[in-house]
Amino acid sequence: MRAQKDNQTAQVTAAAESPASVARQKSRRRMIRGAAVAVPTILTLHSGAALARTSNLISRAPGAPVDGAGNNMCLNENSVAEVFDGGQRYDLGEPISAEVTNIPTLDGRQFYDNADLTGTPLGGQEMCERGGTFYYEAAGPLPSDLGAQARADLIRQSFIPEAVDATEKVATGVDVPRGGLVSATALASFAGRIMYRTI
């Protein structure tokens, strides 16, 4: 049995010293050396990912573009990685992070910069560029929006004219972060990675 083992060991040693075996070992060594040479290339590619951030740029749109629902889309400049060219371009970062405030333009609301609802109404572009709290006249609740008790109270009040001052305006405030209007087309390329809020 021992003689058989020694014979197998001798065959393995002879095979390991054969020219084909030596060539395979040299080939492996070259591959390992080649991999070591390629490491800086891999590191360069990895560090180059920081430069890929420029592909996540979005520019402010001219005019006051709206999406399919008629909203101006105000990109919050505090939610992006970097602001360029005085707020004309925004870097959404890696991973992409941004918040867009939808400012309705078709629902008939007029926005003002004061709770008295006086002065000239503001457009979505001005609201977005200025940022801050803006006010609009809140519509009174419809009976269908109220519970049974509230409906009964509303009906009862409608027979007491003194209880309701029809001339009184109720202002509702909304916050719009400062930023720039962007187009729905530009935002579509970042779909699913941008947070939207509607005022």
Protein backbone atom coordinates (compact mmCIF):
# COMPACT_ATOMS: atom_id res chain seq x y z
CA MET A 1 0.00 0.00 0.00
CA ARG A 2 2.83 2.35 0.94
CA ALA A 3 4.63 1.59 -2.30
CA GLN A 4 1.49 2.46 -4.24
CA LYS A 5 1.21 5.85 -2.43
CA ASP A 6 4.87 6.65 -3.10
CA ASN A 7 4.33 5.78 -6.76
CA GLN A 8 1.32 8.16 -6.99
CA THR A 9 3.30 10.95 -5.28
CA ALA A 10 6.17 10.47 -7.74
CA GLN A 11 3.72 10.68 -10.66
CA VAL A 12 2.17 13.91 -9.31
CA THR A 13 5.65 15.42 -8.77
CA ALA A 14 6.69 14.45 -12.28
CA ALA A 15 3.49 15.92 -13.70
CA ALA A 16 4.02 19.13 -11.75
CA GLU A 17 7.52 19.47 -13.26
CA SER A 18 6.35 18.77 -16.82
CA PRO A 19 6.66 21.67 -19.33
CA ALA A 20 2.86 21.99 -19.60
CA SER A 21 2.52 22.29 -15.82
CA VAL A 22 5.30 24.89 -15.61
CA ALA A 23 3.62 26.91 -18.38
CA ARG A 24 0.30 26.84 -16.49
CA GLN A 25 2.00 28.06 -13.31
CA LYS A 26 3.68 30.93 -15.21
CA SER A 27 0.37 31.77 -16.84
CA ARG A 28 -1.29 31.94 -13.39
CA ARG A 29 1.51 34.15 -12.09
CA ARG A 30 1.12 36.50 -15.07
CA MET A 31 -2.63 36.64 -14.47
CA ILE A 32 -2.14 37.51 -10.80
CA ARG A 33 0.46 40.17 -11.72
CA GLY A 34 -1.90 41.50 -14.38
CA ALA A 35 -4.71 41.72 -11.84
CA ALA A 36 -2.43 43.68 -9.51
CA VAL A 37 -1.64 46.09 -12.36
CA ALA A 38 -5.38 46.47 -13.10
CA VAL A 39 -6.22 47.44 -9.51
CA PRO A 40 -5.44 51.16 -10.00
CA THR A 41 -7.74 51.12 -13.06
CA ILE A 42 -10.56 49.70 -10.97
CA LEU A 43 -9.93 52.34 -8.30
CA THR A 44 -9.92 55.02 -10.96
CA LEU A 45 -13.30 53.84 -12.19
CA HIS A 46 -14.64 53.77 -8.64
CA SER A 47 -13.43 57.28 -7.87
CA GLY A 48 -14.73 58.39 -11.26
CA ALA A 49 -18.26 57.69 -9.99
CA ALA A 50 -18.06 61.03 -8.20
CA LEU A 51 -17.76 62.68 -11.62
CA ALA A 52 -20.90 60.89 -12.80
CA ARG A 53 -22.78 63.25 -10.51
CA THR A 54 -22.83 65.80 -13.34
CA SER A 55 -25.29 63.54 -15.19
CA ASN A 56 -27.80 64.30 -12.41
CA LEU A 57 -28.00 67.97 -13.30
CA ILE A 58 -31.32 69.65 -14.00
CA SER A 59 -31.79 73.20 -15.26
CA ARG A 60 -34.40 75.78 -14.39
CA ALA A 61 -37.01 75.92 -17.15
CA PRO A 62 -37.78 79.18 -18.93
CA GLY A 63 -41.22 80.68 -18.33
CA ALA A 64 -43.68 78.91 -16.07
CA PRO A 65 -44.03 75.31 -17.32
CA VAL A 66 -46.81 73.10 -15.99
CA ASP A 67 -47.24 69.34 -15.67
CA GLY A 68 -50.20 67.35 -16.98
CA ALA A 69 -52.31 68.38 -13.97
CA GLY A 70 -51.62 72.09 -14.47
CA ASN A 71 -49.10 72.48 -11.63
CA ASN A 72 -45.98 74.64 -11.64
CA MET A 73 -43.17 72.41 -10.36
CA CYS A 74 -40.92 74.26 -7.92
CA LEU A 75 -37.64 72.44 -7.17
CA ASN A 76 -36.58 73.15 -3.58
CA GLU A 77 -32.98 74.36 -3.76
CA ASN A 78 -32.33 73.23 -0.17
CA SER A 79 -33.16 69.62 -1.10
CA VAL A 80 -30.47 69.24 -3.79
CA ALA A 81 -26.74 68.49 -3.47
CA GLU A 82 -25.52 71.69 -5.11
CA VAL A 83 -26.81 74.86 -6.81
CA PHE A 84 -24.95 76.28 -9.82
CA ASP A 85 -25.07 79.47 -11.88
CA GLY A 86 -27.04 81.48 -9.33
CA GLY A 87 -29.88 78.97 -9.17
CA GLN A 88 -30.08 78.19 -12.89
CA ARG A 89 -28.86 74.59 -12.54
CA TYR A 90 -29.17 72.03 -9.75
CA ASP A 91 -27.15 68.90 -8.99
CA LEU A 92 -29.50 66.26 -7.56
CA GLY A 93 -26.55 64.32 -6.11
CA GLU A 94 -25.74 60.63 -5.94
CA PRO A 95 -28.02 59.03 -4.90
CA ILE A 96 -30.57 61.42 -6.31
CA SER A 97 -32.40 63.48 -3.71
CA ALA A 98 -34.80 66.36 -4.38
CA GLU A 99 -38.17 67.75 -3.35
CA VAL A 100 -40.63 69.40 -5.72
CA THR A 101 -43.57 71.52 -4.58
CA ASN A 102 -46.52 71.47 -6.98
CA ILE A 103 -48.22 74.88 -7.19
CA PRO A 104 -51.71 74.52 -8.72
CA THR A 105 -52.58 76.89 -11.55
CA LEU A 106 -55.95 75.56 -12.75
CA ASP A 107 -58.06 75.31 -9.59
CA GLY A 108 -58.94 79.02 -9.47
CA ARG A 109 -56.94 79.84 -6.36
CA GLN A 110 -55.15 83.16 -6.26
CA PHE A 111 -52.12 83.39 -4.01
CA TYR A 112 -51.04 86.49 -2.08
CA ASP A 113 -48.10 87.34 0.14
CA ASN A 114 -50.38 88.49 2.99
CA ALA A 115 -53.24 86.99 5.03
CA ASP A 116 -55.48 89.97 4.15
CA LEU A 117 -55.51 88.66 0.56
CA THR A 118 -54.81 92.14 -0.79
CA GLY A 119 -52.54 93.36 -3.52
CA THR A 120 -51.63 91.69 -6.77
CA PRO A 121 -51.98 87.89 -6.93
CA LEU A 122 -48.71 86.04 -7.36
CA GLY A 123 -47.88 83.48 -10.03
CA GLY A 124 -46.13 80.17 -9.42
CA GLN A 125 -42.83 81.41 -10.80
CA GLU A 126 -42.65 84.37 -8.39
CA MET A 127 -43.72 82.22 -5.44
CA CYS A 128 -41.02 79.66 -6.24
CA GLU A 129 -38.24 82.22 -6.72
CA ARG A 130 -39.11 84.12 -3.54
CA GLY A 131 -40.07 81.22 -1.30
CA GLY A 132 -42.02 81.74 1.93
CA THR A 133 -45.60 81.56 3.14
CA PHE A 134 -48.36 82.51 0.71
CA TYR A 135 -52.10 82.78 1.27
CA TYR A 136 -55.25 82.04 -0.68
CA GLU A 137 -58.95 82.35 0.09
CA ALA A 138 -60.25 79.10 1.51
CA ALA A 139 -63.57 77.90 0.15
CA GLY A 140 -66.27 77.16 2.72
CA PRO A 141 -66.99 73.48 3.34
CA LEU A 142 -69.70 71.89 1.25
CA PRO A 143 -72.48 70.07 3.10
CA SER A 144 -71.38 66.81 1.46
CA ASP A 145 -67.93 67.20 3.11
CA LEU A 146 -69.39 67.46 6.61
CA GLY A 147 -70.63 64.91 9.10
CA ALA A 148 -74.35 64.65 10.02
CA GLN A 149 -74.13 66.96 13.05
CA ALA A 150 -72.13 69.58 11.18
CA ARG A 151 -74.66 69.49 8.31
CA ALA A 152 -77.48 70.08 10.77
CA ASP A 153 -75.56 73.02 12.28
CA LEU A 154 -74.94 74.49 8.84
CA ILE A 155 -78.61 74.22 7.90
CA ARG A 156 -79.63 75.78 11.21
CA GLN A 157 -77.16 78.66 10.69
CA SER A 158 -78.44 79.30 7.19
CA PHE A 159 -81.75 80.44 8.75
CA ILE A 160 -79.92 82.90 11.03
CA PRO A 161 -78.30 85.49 8.69
CA GLU A 162 -76.53 87.24 11.57
CA ALA A 163 -74.57 84.08 12.35
CA VAL A 164 -72.80 84.07 8.98
CA ASP A 165 -70.86 87.01 7.57
CA ALA A 166 -70.73 86.32 3.84
CA THR A 167 -68.16 89.06 3.26
CA GLU A 168 -65.54 87.59 5.58
CA LYS A 169 -62.59 86.02 3.79
CA VAL A 170 -60.81 83.09 5.36
CA ALA A 171 -57.15 82.89 4.38
CA THR A 172 -55.21 79.65 4.28
CA GLY A 173 -51.42 79.76 4.29
CA VAL A 174 -49.10 77.43 2.40
CA ASP A 175 -45.31 77.20 2.50
CA VAL A 176 -43.30 77.14 -0.70
CA PRO A 177 -39.53 76.54 -0.37
CA ARG A 178 -37.29 78.81 -2.43
CA GLY A 179 -36.06 77.34 -5.70
CA GLY A 180 -36.70 77.30 -9.42
CA LEU A 181 -39.40 76.01 -11.73
CA VAL A 182 -38.47 72.91 -13.69
CA SER A 183 -40.22 71.08 -16.50
CA ALA A 184 -42.11 67.82 -16.25
CA THR A 185 -40.00 66.45 -19.11
CA ALA A 186 -36.75 67.07 -17.21
CA LEU A 187 -38.20 65.52 -14.05
CA ALA A 188 -39.38 62.43 -15.94
CA SER A 189 -35.78 61.21 -16.30
CA PHE A 190 -35.54 61.04 -12.48
CA ALA A 191 -38.93 59.33 -12.01
CA GLY A 192 -39.42 57.55 -8.70
CA ARG A 193 -36.49 59.30 -7.01
CA ILE A 194 -37.99 62.74 -6.38
CA MET A 195 -40.41 63.55 -3.57
CA TYR A 196 -43.46 65.62 -4.59
CA ARG A 197 -45.79 67.66 -2.40
CA THR A 198 -48.83 69.62 -3.55
CA ILE A 199 -50.03 72.75 -1.80
